[in-house]
Amino acid sequence: MIVPCYNAADYMARCVDSLLVGGTAVEIILVDDGSTDGTPALVDDYARRYPTQVRAVHQANAGHGGAINAGLKVATGTYLKVVDSDDWLDEAAFHQVLRTLESLPAPVDLFISNYIYDKVGARHKKVTRYRHGLPQHRVFGWPEVRLPVGQYLLMHALIYRTALLRDLPLQLPTHTFYVDNLFALEPLPQTKRLYYLDVDLYHYFIGRPDQSVHESVMIKRIDQQLAVNRRMIKVIAAAGELEPHLYRYMARYTEIVTGISSILLLRQGTPEARQKKTNLWRYMRMTAPRFYRQARTSVVGVGVNLPGWLVRHTSVDFYRLLQQIYHFN
């Protein structure tokens, strides 16, 4: 388990304590990413109190991706999961996951479970489950994946085989938000053996005004979103002849992220932002022409590329629709 920690002293205990219940079967790598509060001392305290479970890593600030890179370098476990420091795991589901992983006759490349949106102020917690799109109780491959449109394997759902990430090698961009989209996309062409366990494991805490996925913050950091988006497009372009079901899934995922980028730029509303949207789609056309032809004629592609006066009138409604599909803030 990699836990990126940046100025997380006020809330990281709930996260780490939820991982400690896994006992010595779980390696917890706490990466202090240049924190300026009490996080470094708290990280060291956990490593001192739980020396057989917790490893402390301190580094100059490198962002979420840099923290994951640092954790991957020192990880020794068969599997790797990223748990953000303000999120946590359900104890009963965690034990089920560990028992299932231990029972598999051979390691799988990708292990999938459900996640819960713990949104601030929400009376009912939405759970993303994959029971209608993935086989259960056995190892399967991408030809058997039937995820419906609008359902994606986000970082919260994923546990990768550590060696697979190292062999890529996975190197996420530093000082960049939204790299979880790359973590959930780039390794997929190498995943052949998958397993899905229908348990609600990951609690995704969402809704603080300062969170990176809050709409106003995303607009402020739009250039980082665009950098990730372009790298996703490049992944699609370089993927070669993928298994058809895998290609369709990766294309849909990249398409929806491009739609979100486009709508955020339209909501920013400046001539510069509109030019950035044009440049993004031009980059797609030049870098991944096959994908561009599909994305441009999709509902998302048509919706964000309507004539200027019309898209300005419909952008808010379309943005809300994408929120419902993607649940990104």
C-alpha atoms as a PDB file:
ATOM      1  CA  MET A   1       0.000   0.000   0.000  1.00  0.00           C
ATOM      2  CA  ILE A   2       1.346   3.410  -0.978  1.00  0.00           C
ATOM      3  CA  VAL A   3      -0.086   6.372   0.940  1.00  0.00           C
ATOM      4  CA  PRO A   4       0.996   9.738  -0.517  1.00  0.00           C
ATOM      5  CA  CYS A   5       0.966  12.232   2.375  1.00  0.00           C
ATOM      6  CA  TYR A   6       1.166  15.983   1.924  1.00  0.00           C
ATOM      7  CA  ASN A   7       0.187  18.146   4.904  1.00  0.00           C
ATOM      8  CA  ALA A   8      -2.115  15.342   5.985  1.00  0.00           C
ATOM      9  CA  ALA A   9      -1.550  15.408   9.745  1.00  0.00           C
ATOM     10  CA  ASP A  10      -5.162  16.313  10.531  1.00  0.00           C
ATOM     11  CA  TYR A  11      -6.738  13.322   8.823  1.00  0.00           C
ATOM     12  CA  MET A  12      -4.208  10.642   7.805  1.00  0.00           C
ATOM     13  CA  ALA A  13      -4.656   8.564  10.983  1.00  0.00           C
ATOM     14  CA  ARG A  14      -8.044   7.292   9.790  1.00  0.00           C
ATOM     15  CA  CYS A  15      -6.421   6.122   6.549  1.00  0.00           C
ATOM     16  CA  VAL A  16      -3.367   4.457   8.083  1.00  0.00           C
ATOM     17  CA  ASP A  17      -5.310   2.821  10.905  1.00  0.00           C
ATOM     18  CA  SER A  18      -7.631   1.233   8.345  1.00  0.00           C
ATOM     19  CA  LEU A  19      -4.601  -0.340   6.633  1.00  0.00           C
ATOM     20  CA  LEU A  20      -2.968  -1.601   9.823  1.00  0.00           C
ATOM     21  CA  VAL A  21      -5.785  -4.108  10.316  1.00  0.00           C
ATOM     22  CA  GLY A  22      -4.221  -6.116   7.479  1.00  0.00           C
ATOM     23  CA  GLY A  23      -1.401  -7.101   9.829  1.00  0.00           C
ATOM     24  CA  THR A  24       2.006  -8.138   8.570  1.00  0.00           C
ATOM     25  CA  ALA A  25       0.504  -9.340   5.285  1.00  0.00           C
ATOM     26  CA  VAL A  26       0.345  -5.681   4.246  1.00  0.00           C
ATOM     27  CA  GLU A  27       3.302  -3.376   3.659  1.00  0.00           C
ATOM     28  CA  ILE A  28       2.291   0.255   4.250  1.00  0.00           C
ATOM     29  CA  ILE A  29       4.564   2.813   2.597  1.00  0.00           C
ATOM     30  CA  LEU A  30       3.909   6.301   3.925  1.00  0.00           C
ATOM     31  CA  VAL A  31       5.434   8.854   1.559  1.00  0.00           C
ATOM     32  CA  ASP A  32       5.857  12.269   3.158  1.00  0.00           C
ATOM     33  CA  ASP A  33       5.889  14.488   0.086  1.00  0.00           C
ATOM     34  CA  GLY A  34       7.663  17.538   1.484  1.00  0.00           C
ATOM     35  CA  SER A  35       4.993  18.323   4.073  1.00  0.00           C
ATOM     36  CA  THR A  36       5.276  21.495   6.139  1.00  0.00           C
ATOM     37  CA  ASP A  37       2.908  20.504   8.992  1.00  0.00           C
ATOM     38  CA  GLY A  38       3.116  17.614  11.440  1.00  0.00           C
ATOM     39  CA  THR A  39       2.968  14.933   8.754  1.00  0.00           C
ATOM     40  CA  PRO A  40       6.708  14.000   8.776  1.00  0.00           C
ATOM     41  CA  ALA A  41       6.673  13.370  12.525  1.00  0.00           C
ATOM     42  CA  LEU A  42       3.439  11.370  12.268  1.00  0.00           C
ATOM     43  CA  VAL A  43       4.881   9.243   9.448  1.00  0.00           C
ATOM     44  CA  ASP A  44       7.979   8.490  11.541  1.00  0.00           C
ATOM     45  CA  ASP A  45       5.845   7.714  14.586  1.00  0.00           C
ATOM     46  CA  TYR A  46       3.840   5.095  12.655  1.00  0.00           C
ATOM     47  CA  ALA A  47       7.067   3.534  11.346  1.00  0.00           C
ATOM     48  CA  ARG A  48       8.468   3.413  14.897  1.00  0.00           C
ATOM     49  CA  ARG A  49       5.337   1.886  16.430  1.00  0.00           C
ATOM     50  CA  TYR A  50       4.704  -0.617  13.605  1.00  0.00           C
ATOM     51  CA  PRO A  51       8.170  -1.519  12.274  1.00  0.00           C
ATOM     52  CA  THR A  52       7.031  -4.763  10.640  1.00  0.00           C
ATOM     53  CA  GLN A  53       4.194  -3.070   8.742  1.00  0.00           C
ATOM     54  CA  VAL A  54       5.058   0.566   8.052  1.00  0.00           C
ATOM     55  CA  ARG A  55       7.879   2.090   6.018  1.00  0.00           C
ATOM     56  CA  ALA A  56       8.529   5.830   6.096  1.00  0.00           C
ATOM     57  CA  VAL A  57       9.726   7.659   2.985  1.00  0.00           C
ATOM     58  CA  HIS A  58      10.555  11.375   3.059  1.00  0.00           C
ATOM     59  CA  GLN A  59      11.178  13.406  -0.078  1.00  0.00           C
ATOM     60  CA  ALA A  60      11.119  16.960  -1.361  1.00  0.00           C
ATOM     61  CA  ASN A  61       7.703  17.857  -2.681  1.00  0.00           C
ATOM     62  CA  ALA A  62       7.054  16.134  -6.009  1.00  0.00           C
ATOM     63  CA  GLY A  63       3.266  15.920  -6.046  1.00  0.00           C
ATOM     64  CA  HIS A  64       0.946  12.919  -6.066  1.00  0.00           C
ATOM     65  CA  GLY A  65       2.680  11.231  -8.972  1.00  0.00           C
ATOM     66  CA  GLY A  66       6.095  11.747  -7.447  1.00  0.00           C
ATOM     67  CA  ALA A  67       4.915  10.182  -4.199  1.00  0.00           C
ATOM     68  CA  ILE A  68       3.596   7.119  -6.037  1.00  0.00           C
ATOM     69  CA  ASN A  69       6.875   6.832  -7.953  1.00  0.00           C
ATOM     70  CA  ALA A  70       8.819   6.924  -4.681  1.00  0.00           C
ATOM     71  CA  GLY A  71       6.616   4.272  -3.103  1.00  0.00           C
ATOM     72  CA  LEU A  72       6.863   1.999  -6.122  1.00  0.00           C
ATOM     73  CA  LYS A  73      10.660   2.119  -5.948  1.00  0.00           C
ATOM     74  CA  VAL A  74      10.747   0.599  -2.455  1.00  0.00           C
ATOM     75  CA  ALA A  75       7.649  -1.631  -2.532  1.00  0.00           C
ATOM     76  CA  THR A  76       8.356  -5.323  -1.860  1.00  0.00           C
ATOM     77  CA  GLY A  77       4.861  -6.802  -1.904  1.00  0.00           C
ATOM     78  CA  THR A  78       3.360  -8.908  -4.684  1.00  0.00           C
ATOM     79  CA  TYR A  79       0.557  -6.389  -5.164  1.00  0.00           C
ATOM     80  CA  LEU A  80       0.335  -2.608  -5.004  1.00  0.00           C
ATOM     81  CA  LYS A  81      -2.550  -0.292  -4.198  1.00  0.00           C
ATOM     82  CA  VAL A  82      -2.562   3.480  -3.754  1.00  0.00           C
ATOM     83  CA  VAL A  83      -4.694   4.862  -0.927  1.00  0.00           C
ATOM     84  CA  ASP A  84      -4.874   8.631  -0.621  1.00  0.00           C
ATOM     85  CA  SER A  85      -4.274   9.958   2.868  1.00  0.00           C
ATOM     86  CA  ASP A  86      -7.808  11.348   3.282  1.00  0.00           C
ATOM     87  CA  ASP A  87      -9.433   8.082   2.169  1.00  0.00           C
ATOM     88  CA  TRP A  88      -9.686   4.742   3.961  1.00  0.00           C
ATOM     89  CA  LEU A  89     -10.556   1.056   3.531  1.00  0.00           C
ATOM     90  CA  ASP A  90     -13.487  -0.876   4.947  1.00  0.00           C
ATOM     91  CA  GLU A  91     -12.151  -3.392   7.469  1.00  0.00           C
ATOM     92  CA  ALA A  92     -14.393  -6.364   6.623  1.00  0.00           C
ATOM     93  CA  ALA A  93     -13.948  -5.882   2.879  1.00  0.00           C
ATOM     94  CA  PHE A  94     -10.183  -5.515   3.330  1.00  0.00           C
ATOM     95  CA  HIS A  95      -9.976  -8.889   5.045  1.00  0.00           C
ATOM     96  CA  GLN A  96     -12.010 -10.446   2.227  1.00  0.00           C
ATOM     97  CA  VAL A  97      -9.647  -8.990  -0.356  1.00  0.00           C
ATOM     98  CA  LEU A  98      -6.579 -10.285   1.469  1.00  0.00           C
ATOM     99  CA  ARG A  99      -8.070 -13.780   1.834  1.00  0.00           C
ATOM    100  CA  THR A 100      -8.986 -13.855  -1.855  1.00  0.00           C
ATOM    101  CA  LEU A 101      -5.540 -12.738  -2.988  1.00  0.00           C
ATOM    102  CA  GLU A 102      -3.901 -15.370  -0.800  1.00  0.00           C
ATOM    103  CA  SER A 103      -6.187 -18.087  -2.204  1.00  0.00           C
ATOM    104  CA  LEU A 104      -5.372 -17.465  -5.866  1.00  0.00           C
ATOM    105  CA  PRO A 105      -3.183 -20.235  -7.326  1.00  0.00           C
ATOM    106  CA  ALA A 106      -1.120 -17.654  -9.243  1.00  0.00           C
ATOM    107  CA  PRO A 107      -0.898 -13.844  -9.049  1.00  0.00           C
ATOM    108  CA  VAL A 108      -3.236 -11.820 -11.230  1.00  0.00           C
ATOM    109  CA  ASP A 109      -2.196  -8.669 -13.057  1.00  0.00           C
ATOM    110  CA  LEU A 110      -5.144  -6.592 -11.902  1.00  0.00           C
ATOM    111  CA  PHE A 111      -7.484  -7.096  -8.944  1.00  0.00           C
ATOM    112  CA  ILE A 112     -10.672  -5.008  -8.925  1.00  0.00           C
ATOM    113  CA  SER A 113     -13.085  -4.148  -6.110  1.00  0.00           C
ATOM    114  CA  ASN A 114     -15.798  -1.549  -5.475  1.00  0.00           C
ATOM    115  CA  TYR A 115     -15.463   1.933  -4.014  1.00  0.00           C
ATOM    116  CA  ILE A 116     -17.739   4.281  -2.088  1.00  0.00           C
ATOM    117  CA  TYR A 117     -18.155   8.009  -2.614  1.00  0.00           C
ATOM    118  CA  ASP A 118     -18.115   9.489   0.894  1.00  0.00           C
ATOM    119  CA  LYS A 119     -19.193  12.935  -0.225  1.00  0.00           C
ATOM    120  CA  VAL A 120     -19.404  15.734   2.318  1.00  0.00           C
ATOM    121  CA  GLY A 121     -23.054  16.456   3.155  1.00  0.00           C
ATOM    122  CA  ALA A 122     -24.472  13.525   1.178  1.00  0.00           C
ATOM    123  CA  ARG A 123     -27.090  11.523   3.092  1.00  0.00           C
ATOM    124  CA  HIS A 124     -26.745   8.507   0.825  1.00  0.00           C
ATOM    125  CA  LYS A 125     -23.325   7.222  -0.195  1.00  0.00           C
ATOM    126  CA  LYS A 126     -23.006   6.205  -3.824  1.00  0.00           C
ATOM    127  CA  VAL A 127     -21.174   2.937  -4.429  1.00  0.00           C
ATOM    128  CA  THR A 128     -19.538   2.072  -7.744  1.00  0.00           C
ATOM    129  CA  ARG A 129     -19.883  -1.669  -8.296  1.00  0.00           C
ATOM    130  CA  TYR A 130     -18.858  -3.693 -11.334  1.00  0.00           C
ATOM    131  CA  ARG A 131     -20.994  -6.793 -10.870  1.00  0.00           C
ATOM    132  CA  HIS A 132     -22.878  -6.239 -14.134  1.00  0.00           C
ATOM    133  CA  GLY A 133     -19.774  -5.806 -16.260  1.00  0.00           C
ATOM    134  CA  LEU A 134     -17.183  -8.207 -14.880  1.00  0.00           C
ATOM    135  CA  PRO A 135     -17.155 -11.984 -14.253  1.00  0.00           C
ATOM    136  CA  GLN A 136     -16.964 -13.086 -10.642  1.00  0.00           C
ATOM    137  CA  HIS A 137     -15.311 -15.893  -8.658  1.00  0.00           C
ATOM    138  CA  ARG A 138     -12.689 -16.615 -11.316  1.00  0.00           C
ATOM    139  CA  VAL A 139      -9.780 -15.166 -13.245  1.00  0.00           C
ATOM    140  CA  PHE A 140     -10.799 -13.610 -16.577  1.00  0.00           C
ATOM    141  CA  GLY A 141      -9.384 -11.597 -19.481  1.00  0.00           C
ATOM    142  CA  TRP A 142     -10.424  -8.469 -21.366  1.00  0.00           C
ATOM    143  CA  PRO A 143     -12.557 -10.328 -23.963  1.00  0.00           C
ATOM    144  CA  GLU A 144     -14.993 -11.057 -21.107  1.00  0.00           C
ATOM    145  CA  VAL A 145     -15.200  -7.452 -19.854  1.00  0.00           C
ATOM    146  CA  ARG A 146     -18.572  -5.822 -20.543  1.00  0.00           C
ATOM    147  CA  LEU A 147     -18.463  -2.579 -18.565  1.00  0.00           C
ATOM    148  CA  PRO A 148     -21.406  -0.322 -19.465  1.00  0.00           C
ATOM    149  CA  VAL A 149     -20.828   3.123 -20.923  1.00  0.00           C
ATOM    150  CA  GLY A 150     -20.144   5.553 -18.108  1.00  0.00           C
ATOM    151  CA  GLN A 151     -18.491   3.038 -15.768  1.00  0.00           C
ATOM    152  CA  TYR A 152     -14.724   3.183 -15.389  1.00  0.00           C
ATOM    153  CA  LEU A 153     -12.028   1.463 -13.388  1.00  0.00           C
ATOM    154  CA  LEU A 154     -10.752   4.402 -11.381  1.00  0.00           C
ATOM    155  CA  MET A 155      -7.679   4.234  -9.166  1.00  0.00           C
ATOM    156  CA  HIS A 156      -9.794   3.518  -6.085  1.00  0.00           C
ATOM    157  CA  ALA A 157     -10.902   0.199  -7.570  1.00  0.00           C
ATOM    158  CA  LEU A 158      -7.483  -1.102  -8.618  1.00  0.00           C
ATOM    159  CA  ILE A 159      -4.786  -3.324  -7.163  1.00  0.00           C
ATOM    160  CA  TYR A 160      -1.951  -4.042  -9.619  1.00  0.00           C
ATOM    161  CA  ARG A 161       0.722  -6.706  -9.568  1.00  0.00           C
ATOM    162  CA  THR A 162       3.774  -4.751  -8.456  1.00  0.00           C
ATOM    163  CA  ALA A 163       6.165  -6.344 -10.955  1.00  0.00           C
ATOM    164  CA  LEU A 164       3.873  -5.345 -13.822  1.00  0.00           C
ATOM    165  CA  LEU A 165       4.153  -1.662 -12.867  1.00  0.00           C
ATOM    166  CA  ARG A 166       7.913  -1.948 -12.514  1.00  0.00           C
ATOM    167  CA  ASP A 167       8.327  -3.701 -15.850  1.00  0.00           C
ATOM    168  CA  LEU A 168       6.488  -0.941 -17.769  1.00  0.00           C
ATOM    169  CA  PRO A 169       8.133   0.999 -16.068  1.00  0.00           C
ATOM    170  CA  LEU A 170       5.403   3.234 -14.655  1.00  0.00           C
ATOM    171  CA  GLN A 171       6.753   6.744 -14.098  1.00  0.00           C
ATOM    172  CA  LEU A 172       4.072   9.297 -13.323  1.00  0.00           C
ATOM    173  CA  PRO A 173       4.663  13.016 -13.924  1.00  0.00           C
ATOM    174  CA  THR A 174       5.725  15.038 -10.903  1.00  0.00           C
ATOM    175  CA  HIS A 175       4.170  18.268  -9.607  1.00  0.00           C
ATOM    176  CA  THR A 176       0.996  17.366 -11.476  1.00  0.00           C
ATOM    177  CA  PHE A 177      -2.501  16.706 -10.228  1.00  0.00           C
ATOM    178  CA  TYR A 178      -4.925  14.192 -11.833  1.00  0.00           C
ATOM    179  CA  VAL A 179      -2.241  11.539 -12.432  1.00  0.00           C
ATOM    180  CA  ASP A 180      -4.666   8.956 -11.057  1.00  0.00           C
ATOM    181  CA  ASN A 181      -6.097   8.864 -14.594  1.00  0.00           C
ATOM    182  CA  LEU A 182      -2.704   7.720 -15.872  1.00  0.00           C
ATOM    183  CA  PHE A 183      -2.376   5.166 -13.085  1.00  0.00           C
ATOM    184  CA  ALA A 184      -5.734   3.748 -14.134  1.00  0.00           C
ATOM    185  CA  LEU A 185      -4.940   3.689 -17.863  1.00  0.00           C
ATOM    186  CA  GLU A 186      -1.263   3.233 -18.760  1.00  0.00           C
ATOM    187  CA  PRO A 187      -0.743  -0.263 -17.276  1.00  0.00           C
ATOM    188  CA  LEU A 188      -3.906  -1.762 -18.782  1.00  0.00           C
ATOM    189  CA  PRO A 189      -2.373  -3.071 -22.053  1.00  0.00           C
ATOM    190  CA  GLN A 190      -0.108  -5.296 -19.926  1.00  0.00           C
ATOM    191  CA  THR A 191      -2.932  -6.739 -17.833  1.00  0.00           C
ATOM    192  CA  LYS A 192      -3.952 -10.190 -19.039  1.00  0.00           C
ATOM    193  CA  ARG A 193      -5.229 -11.916 -15.886  1.00  0.00           C
ATOM    194  CA  LEU A 194      -7.947 -10.029 -14.016  1.00  0.00           C
ATOM    195  CA  TYR A 195     -10.062 -10.801 -10.954  1.00  0.00           C
ATOM    196  CA  TYR A 196     -13.081  -8.965  -9.550  1.00  0.00           C
ATOM    197  CA  LEU A 197     -14.311  -9.231  -5.963  1.00  0.00           C
ATOM    198  CA  ASP A 198     -17.707  -7.652  -5.341  1.00  0.00           C
ATOM    199  CA  VAL A 199     -16.943  -5.939  -2.016  1.00  0.00           C
ATOM    200  CA  ASP A 200     -17.131  -2.259  -1.098  1.00  0.00           C
ATOM    201  CA  LEU A 201     -13.498  -1.721  -0.153  1.00  0.00           C
ATOM    202  CA  TYR A 202     -12.399   1.877  -0.762  1.00  0.00           C
ATOM    203  CA  HIS A 203     -13.954   4.936   0.864  1.00  0.00           C
ATOM    204  CA  TYR A 204     -13.293   7.907  -1.406  1.00  0.00           C
ATOM    205  CA  PHE A 205     -13.702  11.075   0.660  1.00  0.00           C
ATOM    206  CA  ILE A 206     -14.840  13.908  -1.573  1.00  0.00           C
ATOM    207  CA  GLY A 207     -16.307  17.360  -1.241  1.00  0.00           C
ATOM    208  CA  ARG A 208     -13.783  19.542   0.573  1.00  0.00           C
ATOM    209  CA  PRO A 209     -13.490  22.937  -1.185  1.00  0.00           C
ATOM    210  CA  ASP A 210      -9.693  22.581  -1.462  1.00  0.00           C
ATOM    211  CA  GLN A 211      -9.734  19.119  -3.054  1.00  0.00           C
ATOM    212  CA  SER A 212      -8.117  18.778  -6.463  1.00  0.00           C
ATOM    213  CA  VAL A 213     -11.354  17.450  -7.982  1.00  0.00           C
ATOM    214  CA  HIS A 214     -13.481  20.393  -6.870  1.00  0.00           C
ATOM    215  CA  GLU A 215     -14.692  22.201  -9.972  1.00  0.00           C
ATOM    216  CA  SER A 216     -13.143  25.582  -9.156  1.00  0.00           C
ATOM    217  CA  VAL A 217      -9.801  23.926  -8.336  1.00  0.00           C
ATOM    218  CA  MET A 218      -9.877  21.915 -11.569  1.00  0.00           C
ATOM    219  CA  ILE A 219     -10.415  25.091 -13.580  1.00  0.00           C
ATOM    220  CA  LYS A 220      -7.534  26.768 -11.749  1.00  0.00           C
ATOM    221  CA  ARG A 221      -5.276  23.782 -12.518  1.00  0.00           C
ATOM    222  CA  ILE A 222      -6.550  23.197 -16.032  1.00  0.00           C
ATOM    223  CA  ASP A 223      -3.064  23.111 -17.557  1.00  0.00           C
ATOM    224  CA  GLN A 224      -2.200  20.098 -15.376  1.00  0.00           C
ATOM    225  CA  GLN A 225      -5.440  18.407 -16.394  1.00  0.00           C
ATOM    226  CA  LEU A 226      -4.550  19.049 -20.036  1.00  0.00           C
ATOM    227  CA  ALA A 227      -1.045  17.620 -19.609  1.00  0.00           C
ATOM    228  CA  VAL A 228      -2.502  14.397 -18.215  1.00  0.00           C
ATOM    229  CA  ASN A 229      -5.159  14.351 -20.931  1.00  0.00           C
ATOM    230  CA  ARG A 230      -2.543  14.632 -23.685  1.00  0.00           C
ATOM    231  CA  ARG A 231      -0.506  11.807 -22.186  1.00  0.00           C
ATOM    232  CA  MET A 232      -3.644   9.632 -22.128  1.00  0.00           C
ATOM    233  CA  ILE A 233      -4.162  10.363 -25.822  1.00  0.00           C
ATOM    234  CA  LYS A 234      -0.533   9.458 -26.464  1.00  0.00           C
ATOM    235  CA  VAL A 235      -1.044   6.144 -24.629  1.00  0.00           C
ATOM    236  CA  ILE A 236      -3.966   5.320 -26.922  1.00  0.00           C
ATOM    237  CA  ALA A 237      -1.888   6.221 -29.984  1.00  0.00           C
ATOM    238  CA  ALA A 238       1.054   4.045 -28.920  1.00  0.00           C
ATOM    239  CA  ALA A 239      -0.941   1.060 -27.731  1.00  0.00           C
ATOM    240  CA  GLY A 240      -0.790  -0.787 -31.042  1.00  0.00           C
ATOM    241  CA  GLU A 241      -3.170  -3.639 -31.792  1.00  0.00           C
ATOM    242  CA  LEU A 242      -4.963  -4.057 -28.499  1.00  0.00           C
ATOM    243  CA  GLU A 243      -7.580  -6.661 -27.757  1.00  0.00           C
ATOM    244  CA  PRO A 244     -10.802  -5.005 -29.065  1.00  0.00           C
ATOM    245  CA  HIS A 245     -12.654  -4.895 -25.737  1.00  0.00           C
ATOM    246  CA  LEU A 246      -9.624  -3.363 -24.031  1.00  0.00           C
ATOM    247  CA  TYR A 247      -9.206  -0.760 -26.775  1.00  0.00           C
ATOM    248  CA  ARG A 248     -12.869   0.246 -26.591  1.00  0.00           C
ATOM    249  CA  TYR A 249     -12.656   0.614 -22.834  1.00  0.00           C
ATOM    250  CA  MET A 250      -9.447   2.688 -22.944  1.00  0.00           C
ATOM    251  CA  ALA A 251     -10.874   4.860 -25.726  1.00  0.00           C
ATOM    252  CA  ARG A 252     -14.105   5.538 -23.809  1.00  0.00           C
ATOM    253  CA  TYR A 253     -12.164   6.434 -20.681  1.00  0.00           C
ATOM    254  CA  THR A 254      -9.887   8.838 -22.546  1.00  0.00           C
ATOM    255  CA  GLU A 255     -12.862  10.282 -24.393  1.00  0.00           C
ATOM    256  CA  ILE A 256     -14.728  11.170 -21.181  1.00  0.00           C
ATOM    257  CA  VAL A 257     -11.615  12.760 -19.660  1.00  0.00           C
ATOM    258  CA  THR A 258     -11.215  14.826 -22.849  1.00  0.00           C
ATOM    259  CA  GLY A 259     -14.847  15.851 -22.551  1.00  0.00           C
ATOM    260  CA  ILE A 260     -14.287  17.009 -18.981  1.00  0.00           C
ATOM    261  CA  SER A 261     -11.208  18.991 -20.010  1.00  0.00           C
ATOM    262  CA  SER A 262     -13.166  20.610 -22.834  1.00  0.00           C
ATOM    263  CA  ILE A 263     -16.124  21.556 -20.659  1.00  0.00           C
ATOM    264  CA  LEU A 264     -13.879  23.025 -17.959  1.00  0.00           C
ATOM    265  CA  LEU A 265     -12.226  25.183 -20.605  1.00  0.00           C
ATOM    266  CA  LEU A 266     -15.617  26.267 -21.934  1.00  0.00           C
ATOM    267  CA  ARG A 267     -16.711  27.135 -18.412  1.00  0.00           C
ATOM    268  CA  GLN A 268     -13.554  29.192 -17.970  1.00  0.00           C
ATOM    269  CA  GLY A 269     -14.932  31.169 -20.883  1.00  0.00           C
ATOM    270  CA  THR A 270     -11.916  33.145 -22.037  1.00  0.00           C
ATOM    271  CA  PRO A 271     -10.606  33.279 -25.613  1.00  0.00           C
ATOM    272  CA  GLU A 272      -7.390  31.678 -24.353  1.00  0.00           C
ATOM    273  CA  ALA A 273      -9.358  28.788 -22.811  1.00  0.00           C
ATOM    274  CA  ARG A 274     -11.325  28.225 -26.008  1.00  0.00           C
ATOM    275  CA  GLN A 275      -8.060  28.117 -27.949  1.00  0.00           C
ATOM    276  CA  LYS A 276      -6.704  25.530 -25.502  1.00  0.00           C
ATOM    277  CA  LYS A 277      -9.753  23.363 -26.198  1.00  0.00           C
ATOM    278  CA  THR A 278      -9.158  23.675 -29.938  1.00  0.00           C
ATOM    279  CA  ASN A 279      -5.504  22.776 -29.451  1.00  0.00           C
ATOM    280  CA  LEU A 280      -6.407  19.712 -27.387  1.00  0.00           C
ATOM    281  CA  TRP A 281      -8.611  18.269 -30.118  1.00  0.00           C
ATOM    282  CA  ARG A 282      -6.039  19.202 -32.759  1.00  0.00           C
ATOM    283  CA  TYR A 283      -3.410  17.330 -30.759  1.00  0.00           C
ATOM    284  CA  MET A 284      -5.705  14.300 -30.682  1.00  0.00           C
ATOM    285  CA  ARG A 285      -6.225  14.454 -34.446  1.00  0.00           C
ATOM    286  CA  MET A 286      -2.481  14.661 -35.110  1.00  0.00           C
ATOM    287  CA  THR A 287      -1.360  12.107 -32.493  1.00  0.00           C
ATOM    288  CA  ALA A 288      -4.097   9.473 -32.558  1.00  0.00           C
ATOM    289  CA  PRO A 289      -6.135   9.846 -35.776  1.00  0.00           C
ATOM    290  CA  ARG A 290      -8.037   6.573 -35.318  1.00  0.00           C
ATOM    291  CA  PHE A 291      -9.117   7.572 -31.829  1.00  0.00           C
ATOM    292  CA  TYR A 292      -9.903  11.109 -32.978  1.00  0.00           C
ATOM    293  CA  ARG A 293     -12.340   9.888 -35.637  1.00  0.00           C
ATOM    294  CA  GLN A 294     -14.217   7.900 -32.999  1.00  0.00           C
ATOM    295  CA  ALA A 295     -14.124  10.537 -30.270  1.00  0.00           C
ATOM    296  CA  ARG A 296     -15.073  13.442 -32.510  1.00  0.00           C
ATOM    297  CA  THR A 297     -18.286  11.752 -33.656  1.00  0.00           C
ATOM    298  CA  SER A 298     -19.290  10.519 -30.177  1.00  0.00           C
ATOM    299  CA  VAL A 299     -21.895  12.243 -28.003  1.00  0.00           C
ATOM    300  CA  VAL A 300     -19.093  13.817 -25.973  1.00  0.00           C
ATOM    301  CA  GLY A 301     -17.133  14.932 -29.036  1.00  0.00           C
ATOM    302  CA  VAL A 302     -20.159  16.464 -30.726  1.00  0.00           C
ATOM    303  CA  GLY A 303     -21.362  18.068 -27.495  1.00  0.00           C
ATOM    304  CA  VAL A 304     -18.166  19.953 -26.701  1.00  0.00           C
ATOM    305  CA  ASN A 305     -17.536  21.012 -30.293  1.00  0.00           C
ATOM    306  CA  LEU A 306     -20.854  22.640 -31.093  1.00  0.00           C
ATOM    307  CA  PRO A 307     -20.774  26.131 -32.653  1.00  0.00           C
ATOM    308  CA  GLY A 308     -19.563  28.763 -30.190  1.00  0.00           C
ATOM    309  CA  TRP A 309     -22.901  30.434 -29.376  1.00  0.00           C
ATOM    310  CA  LEU A 310     -24.651  27.092 -28.925  1.00  0.00           C
ATOM    311  CA  VAL A 311     -22.026  25.400 -26.789  1.00  0.00           C
ATOM    312  CA  ARG A 312     -21.930  28.416 -24.469  1.00  0.00           C
ATOM    313  CA  HIS A 313     -25.649  27.971 -23.852  1.00  0.00           C
ATOM    314  CA  THR A 314     -25.463  24.205 -23.345  1.00  0.00           C
ATOM    315  CA  SER A 315     -22.081  23.805 -21.608  1.00  0.00           C
ATOM    316  CA  VAL A 316     -23.491  23.927 -18.075  1.00  0.00           C
ATOM    317  CA  ASP A 317     -26.087  21.246 -18.783  1.00  0.00           C
ATOM    318  CA  PHE A 318     -23.529  19.084 -20.571  1.00  0.00           C
ATOM    319  CA  TYR A 319     -21.086  19.538 -17.711  1.00  0.00           C
ATOM    320  CA  ARG A 320     -23.703  18.306 -15.234  1.00  0.00           C
ATOM    321  CA  LEU A 321     -24.347  15.328 -17.470  1.00  0.00           C
ATOM    322  CA  LEU A 322     -20.643  14.441 -17.449  1.00  0.00           C
ATOM    323  CA  GLN A 323     -20.636  14.786 -13.660  1.00  0.00           C
ATOM    324  CA  GLN A 324     -23.414  12.216 -13.483  1.00  0.00           C
ATOM    325  CA  ILE A 325     -21.525   9.879 -15.796  1.00  0.00           C
ATOM    326  CA  TYR A 326     -18.069  10.279 -14.318  1.00  0.00           C
ATOM    327  CA  HIS A 327     -18.784  11.474 -10.743  1.00  0.00           C
ATOM    328  CA  PHE A 328     -15.606  13.529 -10.723  1.00  0.00           C
ATOM    329  CA  ASN A 329     -16.598  16.156  -8.144  1.00  0.00           C
END
